[in-house]
Amino acid sequence: MLKLLGFFNDFGYSGEVSAGPLGGQVQASGEPDEAEIVRYLDVGHHLTYFTEAGVDVLTGEVHRHTSGCSSLVTDGMWVWRADFAHYLEAYHVPLPAAFVARVRGLHHQMPKLVGADFAPVFDEIILGFGWTEIEPWDAESVLRPQPRVVPTRAEFVTRARQERPTGFWGKAPRKPRRG
């Protein structure tokens, strides 16, 4: 059975799916190997791709996982939103001991999840979220996923600062007055 990770109330989840309110779980620091755990979350296998864009639910700011933030990602045992790495990195939310033990046991390396192994995971998520209009996964159609490249938080901030326009953009220079 798949286990859910980081489905906070703030994203509209409730009941057994919900991990509670995000604001009440913010901590000053996280696991000693949090950076490696964030990288593990970043390279998970995508179960779904959603094209919406979101912002940090606590600050309203854009972050490196803004695009497709609610897409579902897995390692074959745990499922999380694509933006969960941001909330772990920014707010050091607590992680279940079983998840941390699994990641450390795998030496922070995402396990391969292909073909027939992927289909039951996808189908369980589809049923768990009640998406009855989606077809079951065809195990024969799954190709070996290529590693995803996700910028680190520092890289995202640097790039965002470089892409911002500088100067008097949007304002035309004043014309001199005739005297």
N, C-alpha and C. Protein backbone atom coordinates (compact mmCIF):
# COMPACT_ATOMS: atom_id res chain seq x y z
N MET A 1 0.84 -1.19 0.00
CA MET A 1 0.00 0.00 0.00
C MET A 1 0.88 1.25 0.00
N LEU A 2 0.54 2.21 -0.84
CA LEU A 2 1.28 3.45 -0.93
C LEU A 2 1.01 4.34 0.28
N LYS A 3 2.04 5.08 0.66
CA LYS A 3 1.93 5.99 1.79
C LYS A 3 2.05 7.42 1.27
N LEU A 4 1.26 8.32 1.85
CA LEU A 4 1.24 9.71 1.40
C LEU A 4 2.18 10.56 2.22
N LEU A 5 2.77 11.54 1.57
CA LEU A 5 3.76 12.40 2.19
C LEU A 5 3.46 13.86 1.87
N GLY A 6 3.15 14.66 2.85
CA GLY A 6 3.02 16.10 2.67
C GLY A 6 1.76 16.61 1.98
N PHE A 7 0.65 15.94 2.10
CA PHE A 7 -0.61 16.42 1.52
C PHE A 7 -1.32 17.28 2.57
N PHE A 8 -0.89 18.52 2.69
CA PHE A 8 -1.37 19.42 3.74
C PHE A 8 -2.77 19.97 3.46
N ASN A 9 -3.49 20.33 4.51
CA ASN A 9 -4.81 20.94 4.40
C ASN A 9 -4.78 22.16 3.47
N ASP A 10 -3.66 22.89 3.53
CA ASP A 10 -3.53 24.14 2.78
C ASP A 10 -3.69 23.92 1.27
N PHE A 11 -3.54 22.69 0.81
CA PHE A 11 -3.68 22.38 -0.61
C PHE A 11 -5.08 21.87 -0.94
N GLY A 12 -5.96 21.83 0.05
CA GLY A 12 -7.33 21.39 -0.19
C GLY A 12 -7.58 19.93 0.14
N TYR A 13 -6.63 19.26 0.77
CA TYR A 13 -6.82 17.86 1.14
C TYR A 13 -7.46 17.79 2.52
N SER A 14 -8.23 16.75 2.75
CA SER A 14 -8.86 16.58 4.06
C SER A 14 -8.97 15.10 4.37
N GLY A 15 -9.43 14.80 5.55
CA GLY A 15 -9.63 13.42 5.97
C GLY A 15 -8.34 12.64 6.08
N GLU A 16 -8.37 11.38 5.68
CA GLU A 16 -7.22 10.50 5.80
C GLU A 16 -6.06 10.93 4.91
N VAL A 17 -6.35 11.63 3.84
CA VAL A 17 -5.32 12.08 2.91
C VAL A 17 -4.49 13.20 3.53
N SER A 18 -5.10 14.03 4.35
CA SER A 18 -4.46 15.24 4.85
C SER A 18 -3.38 14.97 5.89
N ALA A 19 -2.30 15.75 5.77
CA ALA A 19 -1.22 15.73 6.76
C ALA A 19 -1.39 16.87 7.77
N GLY A 20 -2.55 17.51 7.76
CA GLY A 20 -2.80 18.63 8.68
C GLY A 20 -2.37 19.95 8.06
N PRO A 21 -2.49 21.04 8.83
CA PRO A 21 -2.10 22.35 8.30
C PRO A 21 -0.58 22.50 8.24
N LEU A 22 -0.09 23.07 7.16
CA LEU A 22 1.34 23.26 6.97
C LEU A 22 1.93 24.20 8.02
N GLY A 23 1.25 25.30 8.29
CA GLY A 23 1.77 26.30 9.22
C GLY A 23 2.11 25.74 10.59
N GLY A 24 1.37 24.75 11.05
CA GLY A 24 1.61 24.16 12.36
C GLY A 24 2.77 23.18 12.37
N GLN A 25 3.37 22.92 11.22
CA GLN A 25 4.44 21.93 11.14
C GLN A 25 5.80 22.54 10.79
N VAL A 26 5.86 23.86 10.68
CA VAL A 26 7.11 24.53 10.36
C VAL A 26 8.10 24.36 11.51
N GLN A 27 9.33 24.01 11.18
CA GLN A 27 10.38 23.82 12.19
C GLN A 27 11.58 24.69 11.83
N ALA A 28 12.41 24.98 12.82
CA ALA A 28 13.61 25.80 12.60
C ALA A 28 14.67 25.05 11.81
N SER A 29 14.72 23.74 11.93
CA SER A 29 15.70 22.94 11.19
C SER A 29 15.11 21.57 10.92
N GLY A 30 15.76 20.86 10.01
CA GLY A 30 15.26 19.55 9.61
C GLY A 30 16.25 18.45 9.90
N GLU A 31 16.12 17.37 9.16
CA GLU A 31 17.01 16.23 9.29
C GLU A 31 18.44 16.65 8.93
N PRO A 32 19.44 16.01 9.52
CA PRO A 32 20.83 16.38 9.19
C PRO A 32 21.16 16.16 7.71
N ASP A 33 20.49 15.24 7.06
CA ASP A 33 20.71 14.97 5.64
C ASP A 33 19.57 15.51 4.77
N GLU A 34 18.97 16.60 5.23
CA GLU A 34 17.80 17.15 4.53
C GLU A 34 18.09 17.49 3.07
N ALA A 35 19.26 18.02 2.77
CA ALA A 35 19.59 18.38 1.38
C ALA A 35 19.57 17.15 0.48
N GLU A 36 20.05 16.02 0.98
CA GLU A 36 20.04 14.79 0.19
C GLU A 36 18.61 14.26 0.05
N ILE A 37 17.80 14.42 1.08
CA ILE A 37 16.40 13.99 1.01
C ILE A 37 15.64 14.86 0.00
N VAL A 38 15.93 16.16 -0.02
CA VAL A 38 15.31 17.06 -1.01
C VAL A 38 15.67 16.61 -2.42
N ARG A 39 16.93 16.28 -2.65
CA ARG A 39 17.34 15.80 -3.98
C ARG A 39 16.61 14.50 -4.34
N TYR A 40 16.42 13.62 -3.36
CA TYR A 40 15.68 12.37 -3.57
C TYR A 40 14.25 12.69 -4.01
N LEU A 41 13.59 13.60 -3.32
CA LEU A 41 12.22 14.00 -3.67
C LEU A 41 12.17 14.60 -5.08
N ASP A 42 13.19 15.38 -5.43
CA ASP A 42 13.23 16.05 -6.73
C ASP A 42 13.29 15.08 -7.90
N VAL A 43 13.88 13.91 -7.71
CA VAL A 43 14.07 13.00 -8.85
C VAL A 43 13.10 11.82 -8.83
N GLY A 44 12.01 11.94 -8.05
CA GLY A 44 11.01 10.88 -8.01
C GLY A 44 10.35 10.66 -9.36
N HIS A 45 9.65 9.56 -9.48
CA HIS A 45 8.95 9.19 -10.71
C HIS A 45 7.59 9.87 -10.74
N HIS A 46 7.31 10.60 -11.79
CA HIS A 46 6.02 11.29 -11.91
C HIS A 46 4.90 10.31 -12.24
N LEU A 47 3.87 10.34 -11.42
CA LEU A 47 2.66 9.57 -11.70
C LEU A 47 1.70 10.38 -12.55
N THR A 48 1.60 11.67 -12.27
CA THR A 48 0.73 12.57 -13.01
C THR A 48 1.48 13.87 -13.28
N TYR A 49 1.08 14.54 -14.33
CA TYR A 49 1.60 15.87 -14.64
C TYR A 49 0.42 16.82 -14.73
N PHE A 50 0.42 17.83 -13.88
CA PHE A 50 -0.59 18.88 -13.96
C PHE A 50 0.13 20.14 -14.38
N THR A 51 -0.49 20.92 -15.25
CA THR A 51 0.20 22.08 -15.82
C THR A 51 -0.08 23.39 -15.10
N GLU A 52 -0.81 23.33 -14.01
CA GLU A 52 -1.11 24.58 -13.31
C GLU A 52 0.14 25.12 -12.64
N ALA A 53 0.10 26.37 -12.28
CA ALA A 53 1.19 26.99 -11.54
C ALA A 53 0.64 27.44 -10.19
N GLY A 54 1.42 27.27 -9.17
CA GLY A 54 1.01 27.68 -7.83
C GLY A 54 2.12 28.45 -7.17
N VAL A 55 1.84 28.93 -6.00
CA VAL A 55 2.83 29.67 -5.22
C VAL A 55 2.93 29.03 -3.84
N ASP A 56 3.91 29.44 -3.09
CA ASP A 56 4.07 28.97 -1.72
C ASP A 56 2.81 29.35 -0.95
N VAL A 57 2.15 28.38 -0.32
CA VAL A 57 0.87 28.65 0.33
C VAL A 57 1.01 29.49 1.60
N LEU A 58 2.22 29.61 2.14
CA LEU A 58 2.41 30.43 3.33
C LEU A 58 2.86 31.85 3.00
N THR A 59 3.68 32.01 1.95
CA THR A 59 4.20 33.34 1.64
C THR A 59 3.60 33.95 0.38
N GLY A 60 3.00 33.14 -0.49
CA GLY A 60 2.47 33.63 -1.75
C GLY A 60 3.54 33.86 -2.81
N GLU A 61 4.77 33.44 -2.54
CA GLU A 61 5.87 33.66 -3.47
C GLU A 61 6.05 32.49 -4.43
N VAL A 62 6.59 32.81 -5.59
CA VAL A 62 6.94 31.79 -6.58
C VAL A 62 8.15 31.03 -6.05
N HIS A 63 8.20 29.73 -6.34
CA HIS A 63 9.36 28.92 -5.93
C HIS A 63 9.75 27.99 -7.07
N ARG A 64 10.79 27.22 -6.90
CA ARG A 64 11.34 26.42 -8.00
C ARG A 64 10.42 25.30 -8.46
N HIS A 65 9.40 24.96 -7.69
CA HIS A 65 8.45 23.92 -8.08
C HIS A 65 7.08 24.50 -8.41
N THR A 66 7.02 25.79 -8.73
CA THR A 66 5.76 26.45 -9.00
C THR A 66 5.02 25.81 -10.17
N SER A 67 5.73 25.53 -11.24
CA SER A 67 5.11 24.94 -12.42
C SER A 67 4.79 23.47 -12.16
N GLY A 68 3.52 23.10 -12.30
CA GLY A 68 3.12 21.71 -12.08
C GLY A 68 3.22 21.27 -10.64
N CYS A 69 3.03 22.19 -9.72
CA CYS A 69 3.26 21.94 -8.30
C CYS A 69 2.45 20.79 -7.72
N SER A 70 1.25 20.55 -8.19
CA SER A 70 0.43 19.49 -7.61
C SER A 70 0.54 18.16 -8.35
N SER A 71 1.48 18.06 -9.29
CA SER A 71 1.72 16.78 -9.94
C SER A 71 2.13 15.76 -8.88
N LEU A 72 1.78 14.50 -9.08
CA LEU A 72 2.08 13.47 -8.10
C LEU A 72 3.35 12.72 -8.48
N VAL A 73 4.20 12.49 -7.48
CA VAL A 73 5.52 11.88 -7.65
C VAL A 73 5.62 10.71 -6.68
N THR A 74 6.40 9.69 -7.04
CA THR A 74 6.53 8.52 -6.17
C THR A 74 7.92 7.90 -6.25
N ASP A 75 8.22 7.09 -5.25
CA ASP A 75 9.41 6.24 -5.29
C ASP A 75 8.99 4.77 -5.32
N GLY A 76 7.70 4.53 -5.49
CA GLY A 76 7.16 3.19 -5.53
C GLY A 76 6.51 2.77 -4.22
N MET A 77 6.86 3.46 -3.13
CA MET A 77 6.27 3.17 -1.83
C MET A 77 5.57 4.40 -1.26
N TRP A 78 6.13 5.58 -1.48
CA TRP A 78 5.59 6.84 -0.99
C TRP A 78 5.16 7.69 -2.17
N VAL A 79 4.15 8.55 -1.95
CA VAL A 79 3.65 9.48 -2.97
C VAL A 79 3.65 10.87 -2.36
N TRP A 80 4.10 11.87 -3.14
CA TRP A 80 4.11 13.25 -2.68
C TRP A 80 3.82 14.17 -3.86
N ARG A 81 3.47 15.40 -3.56
CA ARG A 81 3.28 16.43 -4.58
C ARG A 81 4.66 16.87 -5.07
N ALA A 82 4.72 17.32 -6.32
CA ALA A 82 5.99 17.76 -6.89
C ALA A 82 6.60 18.91 -6.11
N ASP A 83 5.78 19.72 -5.43
CA ASP A 83 6.32 20.85 -4.67
C ASP A 83 6.66 20.51 -3.22
N PHE A 84 6.52 19.25 -2.82
CA PHE A 84 6.83 18.90 -1.43
C PHE A 84 8.29 19.18 -1.08
N ALA A 85 9.20 18.99 -2.05
CA ALA A 85 10.61 19.27 -1.79
C ALA A 85 10.81 20.73 -1.37
N HIS A 86 10.04 21.64 -1.97
CA HIS A 86 10.13 23.06 -1.58
C HIS A 86 9.76 23.26 -0.12
N TYR A 87 8.66 22.64 0.31
CA TYR A 87 8.20 22.83 1.68
C TYR A 87 9.14 22.18 2.69
N LEU A 88 9.75 21.08 2.32
CA LEU A 88 10.75 20.46 3.20
C LEU A 88 11.96 21.37 3.30
N GLU A 89 12.43 21.86 2.17
CA GLU A 89 13.61 22.71 2.11
C GLU A 89 13.40 24.05 2.81
N ALA A 90 12.24 24.65 2.61
CA ALA A 90 11.97 25.98 3.16
C ALA A 90 11.51 25.96 4.61
N TYR A 91 10.71 24.95 4.99
CA TYR A 91 10.08 24.96 6.31
C TYR A 91 10.47 23.76 7.18
N HIS A 92 11.29 22.87 6.66
CA HIS A 92 11.80 21.73 7.44
C HIS A 92 10.67 20.94 8.10
N VAL A 93 9.60 20.70 7.36
CA VAL A 93 8.47 19.97 7.91
C VAL A 93 8.93 18.58 8.36
N PRO A 94 8.32 18.05 9.42
CA PRO A 94 8.74 16.73 9.89
C PRO A 94 8.40 15.64 8.88
N LEU A 95 9.26 14.65 8.83
CA LEU A 95 9.09 13.52 7.92
C LEU A 95 8.80 12.26 8.73
N PRO A 96 7.97 11.36 8.19
CA PRO A 96 7.73 10.09 8.89
C PRO A 96 9.04 9.31 9.01
N ALA A 97 9.26 8.69 10.15
CA ALA A 97 10.49 7.92 10.39
C ALA A 97 10.67 6.82 9.36
N ALA A 98 9.57 6.19 8.94
CA ALA A 98 9.66 5.11 7.95
C ALA A 98 10.16 5.64 6.60
N PHE A 99 9.74 6.85 6.22
CA PHE A 99 10.21 7.44 4.97
C PHE A 99 11.70 7.75 5.05
N VAL A 100 12.11 8.38 6.14
CA VAL A 100 13.53 8.73 6.32
C VAL A 100 14.38 7.46 6.31
N ALA A 101 13.92 6.41 6.99
CA ALA A 101 14.66 5.15 7.02
C ALA A 101 14.78 4.56 5.62
N ARG A 102 13.71 4.64 4.83
CA ARG A 102 13.75 4.10 3.46
C ARG A 102 14.76 4.86 2.62
N VAL A 103 14.71 6.19 2.67
CA VAL A 103 15.61 7.01 1.86
C VAL A 103 17.07 6.75 2.26
N ARG A 104 17.33 6.71 3.53
CA ARG A 104 18.70 6.43 3.99
C ARG A 104 19.12 5.02 3.63
N GLY A 105 18.20 4.07 3.72
CA GLY A 105 18.50 2.69 3.34
C GLY A 105 18.84 2.56 1.86
N LEU A 106 18.29 3.45 1.05
CA LEU A 106 18.58 3.48 -0.39
C LEU A 106 19.76 4.39 -0.71
N HIS A 107 20.44 4.88 0.35
CA HIS A 107 21.58 5.79 0.20
C HIS A 107 21.22 7.02 -0.63
N HIS A 108 19.99 7.50 -0.41
CA HIS A 108 19.47 8.71 -1.07
C HIS A 108 19.39 8.56 -2.58
N GLN A 109 19.33 7.34 -3.10
CA GLN A 109 19.23 7.08 -4.54
C GLN A 109 17.83 6.61 -4.87
N MET A 110 17.19 7.27 -5.82
CA MET A 110 15.83 6.90 -6.22
C MET A 110 15.86 5.51 -6.87
N PRO A 111 15.01 4.59 -6.39
CA PRO A 111 14.98 3.27 -7.02
C PRO A 111 14.35 3.34 -8.40
N LYS A 112 14.75 2.42 -9.24
CA LYS A 112 14.16 2.34 -10.58
C LYS A 112 12.75 1.80 -10.43
N LEU A 113 11.83 2.34 -11.20
CA LEU A 113 10.43 1.92 -11.15
C LEU A 113 9.92 1.94 -12.59
N VAL A 114 9.93 0.79 -13.21
CA VAL A 114 9.58 0.73 -14.63
C VAL A 114 8.61 -0.40 -14.91
N GLY A 115 8.02 -0.34 -16.10
CA GLY A 115 7.19 -1.42 -16.60
C GLY A 115 6.10 -1.87 -15.66
N ALA A 116 6.05 -3.18 -15.43
CA ALA A 116 4.99 -3.78 -14.64
C ALA A 116 5.02 -3.31 -13.19
N ASP A 117 6.19 -2.86 -12.70
CA ASP A 117 6.27 -2.35 -11.32
C ASP A 117 5.55 -1.01 -11.17
N PHE A 118 5.52 -0.23 -12.24
CA PHE A 118 4.94 1.11 -12.19
C PHE A 118 3.41 1.07 -12.27
N ALA A 119 2.87 0.16 -13.04
CA ALA A 119 1.43 0.10 -13.29
C ALA A 119 0.61 -0.04 -12.01
N PRO A 120 0.93 -0.97 -11.10
CA PRO A 120 0.11 -1.08 -9.89
C PRO A 120 0.17 0.16 -9.00
N VAL A 121 1.32 0.83 -8.98
CA VAL A 121 1.46 2.06 -8.19
C VAL A 121 0.52 3.13 -8.75
N PHE A 122 0.54 3.31 -10.05
CA PHE A 122 -0.31 4.29 -10.70
C PHE A 122 -1.78 3.97 -10.45
N ASP A 123 -2.14 2.71 -10.66
CA ASP A 123 -3.54 2.31 -10.49
C ASP A 123 -4.02 2.50 -9.05
N GLU A 124 -3.16 2.23 -8.06
CA GLU A 124 -3.54 2.42 -6.66
C GLU A 124 -3.79 3.90 -6.36
N ILE A 125 -2.96 4.77 -6.91
CA ILE A 125 -3.15 6.21 -6.71
C ILE A 125 -4.46 6.66 -7.35
N ILE A 126 -4.72 6.20 -8.55
CA ILE A 126 -5.94 6.58 -9.25
C ILE A 126 -7.16 6.20 -8.41
N LEU A 127 -7.16 5.00 -7.89
CA LEU A 127 -8.29 4.56 -7.04
C LEU A 127 -8.33 5.35 -5.74
N GLY A 128 -7.16 5.57 -5.13
CA GLY A 128 -7.09 6.27 -3.85
C GLY A 128 -7.62 7.69 -3.90
N PHE A 129 -7.40 8.37 -5.02
CA PHE A 129 -7.88 9.73 -5.17
C PHE A 129 -9.26 9.79 -5.82
N GLY A 130 -9.81 8.64 -6.16
CA GLY A 130 -11.16 8.60 -6.70
C GLY A 130 -11.29 9.07 -8.13
N TRP A 131 -10.22 8.96 -8.92
CA TRP A 131 -10.25 9.41 -10.30
C TRP A 131 -10.74 8.26 -11.18
N THR A 132 -12.02 8.11 -11.28
CA THR A 132 -12.61 6.97 -12.00
C THR A 132 -12.59 7.14 -13.51
N GLU A 133 -12.39 8.36 -14.02
CA GLU A 133 -12.40 8.58 -15.46
C GLU A 133 -11.06 8.26 -16.12
N ILE A 134 -10.02 7.95 -15.34
CA ILE A 134 -8.69 7.67 -15.88
C ILE A 134 -8.53 6.18 -16.12
N GLU A 135 -7.98 5.85 -17.27
CA GLU A 135 -7.76 4.45 -17.64
C GLU A 135 -6.63 3.85 -16.80
N PRO A 136 -6.68 2.56 -16.47
CA PRO A 136 -5.55 1.91 -15.79
C PRO A 136 -4.29 2.00 -16.66
N TRP A 137 -3.15 1.93 -16.02
CA TRP A 137 -1.87 2.06 -16.71
C TRP A 137 -1.57 0.81 -17.52
N ASP A 138 -1.11 1.01 -18.74
CA ASP A 138 -0.68 -0.10 -19.58
C ASP A 138 0.79 -0.37 -19.27
N ALA A 139 1.07 -1.47 -18.57
CA ALA A 139 2.42 -1.78 -18.12
C ALA A 139 3.41 -1.88 -19.27
N GLU A 140 2.96 -2.26 -20.44
CA GLU A 140 3.87 -2.42 -21.58
C GLU A 140 4.30 -1.09 -22.17
N SER A 141 3.58 -0.01 -21.87
CA SER A 141 3.87 1.28 -22.48
C SER A 141 4.88 2.10 -21.68
N VAL A 142 5.30 1.62 -20.54
CA VAL A 142 6.19 2.40 -19.68
C VAL A 142 7.63 2.25 -20.13
N LEU A 143 8.28 3.37 -20.38
CA LEU A 143 9.68 3.38 -20.75
C LEU A 143 10.52 3.73 -19.52
N ARG A 144 11.78 3.40 -19.57
CA ARG A 144 12.67 3.73 -18.46
C ARG A 144 12.77 5.25 -18.36
N PRO A 145 12.38 5.82 -17.22
CA PRO A 145 12.41 7.28 -17.09
C PRO A 145 13.84 7.82 -17.06
N GLN A 146 14.02 8.96 -17.67
CA GLN A 146 15.31 9.63 -17.63
C GLN A 146 15.37 10.50 -16.38
N PRO A 147 16.55 10.67 -15.80
CA PRO A 147 16.64 11.52 -14.61
C PRO A 147 16.18 12.94 -14.92
N ARG A 148 15.43 13.51 -13.99
CA ARG A 148 14.97 14.89 -14.15
C ARG A 148 16.02 15.83 -13.57
N VAL A 149 16.14 16.97 -14.15
CA VAL A 149 17.05 17.98 -13.63
C VAL A 149 16.19 19.09 -13.03
N VAL A 150 16.32 19.27 -11.74
CA VAL A 150 15.57 20.31 -11.04
C VAL A 150 16.60 21.24 -10.42
N PRO A 151 16.47 22.55 -10.65
CA PRO A 151 17.47 23.46 -10.06
C PRO A 151 17.38 23.46 -8.54
N THR A 152 18.52 23.69 -7.91
CA THR A 152 18.51 23.83 -6.46
C THR A 152 17.84 25.15 -6.12
N ARG A 153 17.54 25.34 -4.86
CA ARG A 153 16.90 26.59 -4.45
C ARG A 153 17.80 27.78 -4.78
N ALA A 154 19.10 27.66 -4.51
CA ALA A 154 20.04 28.75 -4.79
C ALA A 154 20.10 29.05 -6.28
N GLU A 155 20.11 28.01 -7.13
CA GLU A 155 20.13 28.21 -8.57
C GLU A 155 18.86 28.91 -9.05
N PHE A 156 17.71 28.52 -8.49
CA PHE A 156 16.45 29.14 -8.87
C PHE A 156 16.45 30.62 -8.51
N VAL A 157 16.87 30.94 -7.29
CA VAL A 157 16.89 32.34 -6.85
C VAL A 157 17.83 33.17 -7.72
N THR A 158 19.02 32.62 -8.01
CA THR A 158 19.98 33.33 -8.84
C THR A 158 19.41 33.60 -10.23
N ARG A 159 18.80 32.58 -10.84
CA ARG A 159 18.23 32.74 -12.17
C ARG A 159 17.07 33.74 -12.15
N ALA A 160 16.23 33.67 -11.13
CA ALA A 160 15.09 34.59 -11.04
C ALA A 160 15.58 36.03 -10.94
N ARG A 161 16.65 36.23 -10.17
CA ARG A 161 17.19 37.59 -10.04
C ARG A 161 17.79 38.08 -11.36
N GLN A 162 18.42 37.16 -12.10
CA GLN A 162 19.03 37.53 -13.38
C GLN A 162 17.98 37.85 -14.42
N GLU A 163 16.82 37.22 -14.34
CA GLU A 163 15.79 37.41 -15.35
C GLU A 163 14.91 38.63 -15.09
N ARG A 164 15.02 39.20 -13.90
CA ARG A 164 14.22 40.40 -13.61
C ARG A 164 14.75 41.58 -14.40
N PRO A 165 13.86 42.35 -14.99
CA PRO A 165 14.33 43.55 -15.70
C PRO A 165 14.83 44.59 -14.70
N THR A 166 15.80 45.37 -15.14
CA THR A 166 16.32 46.43 -14.29
C THR A 166 16.11 47.77 -14.99
N GLY A 167 16.22 48.83 -14.25
CA GLY A 167 16.09 50.16 -14.84
C GLY A 167 14.66 50.65 -14.83
N PHE A 168 14.40 51.59 -15.72
CA PHE A 168 13.10 52.25 -15.76
C PHE A 168 12.18 51.58 -16.77
N TRP A 169 12.07 50.25 -16.71
CA TRP A 169 11.20 49.55 -17.65
C TRP A 169 9.76 49.96 -17.39
N GLY A 170 9.04 50.13 -18.44
CA GLY A 170 7.64 50.50 -18.35
C GLY A 170 7.42 51.99 -18.30
N LYS A 171 8.48 52.76 -18.10
CA LYS A 171 8.34 54.21 -18.06
C LYS A 171 9.14 54.82 -19.21
N ALA A 172 8.51 55.66 -19.95
CA ALA A 172 9.20 56.35 -21.04
C ALA A 172 9.98 57.51 -20.45
N PRO A 173 11.14 57.80 -21.00
CA PRO A 173 11.90 58.96 -20.49
C PRO A 173 11.12 60.25 -20.74
N ARG A 174 11.27 61.20 -19.84
CA ARG A 174 10.58 62.49 -19.99
C ARG A 174 11.16 63.29 -21.14
N LYS A 175 10.27 64.00 -21.83
CA LYS A 175 10.71 64.88 -22.88
C LYS A 175 11.09 66.23 -22.25
N PRO A 176 12.12 66.84 -22.77
CA PRO A 176 12.49 68.15 -22.18
C PRO A 176 11.40 69.19 -22.44
N ARG A 177 11.23 70.09 -21.50
CA ARG A 177 10.23 71.16 -21.66
C ARG A 177 10.78 72.27 -22.54
N ARG A 178 9.87 72.84 -23.28
CA ARG A 178 10.27 74.00 -24.08
C ARG A 178 10.09 75.25 -23.25
N GLY A 179 11.03 76.06 -23.33
CA GLY A 179 11.09 77.15 -22.46
C GLY A 179 10.54 78.41 -22.73
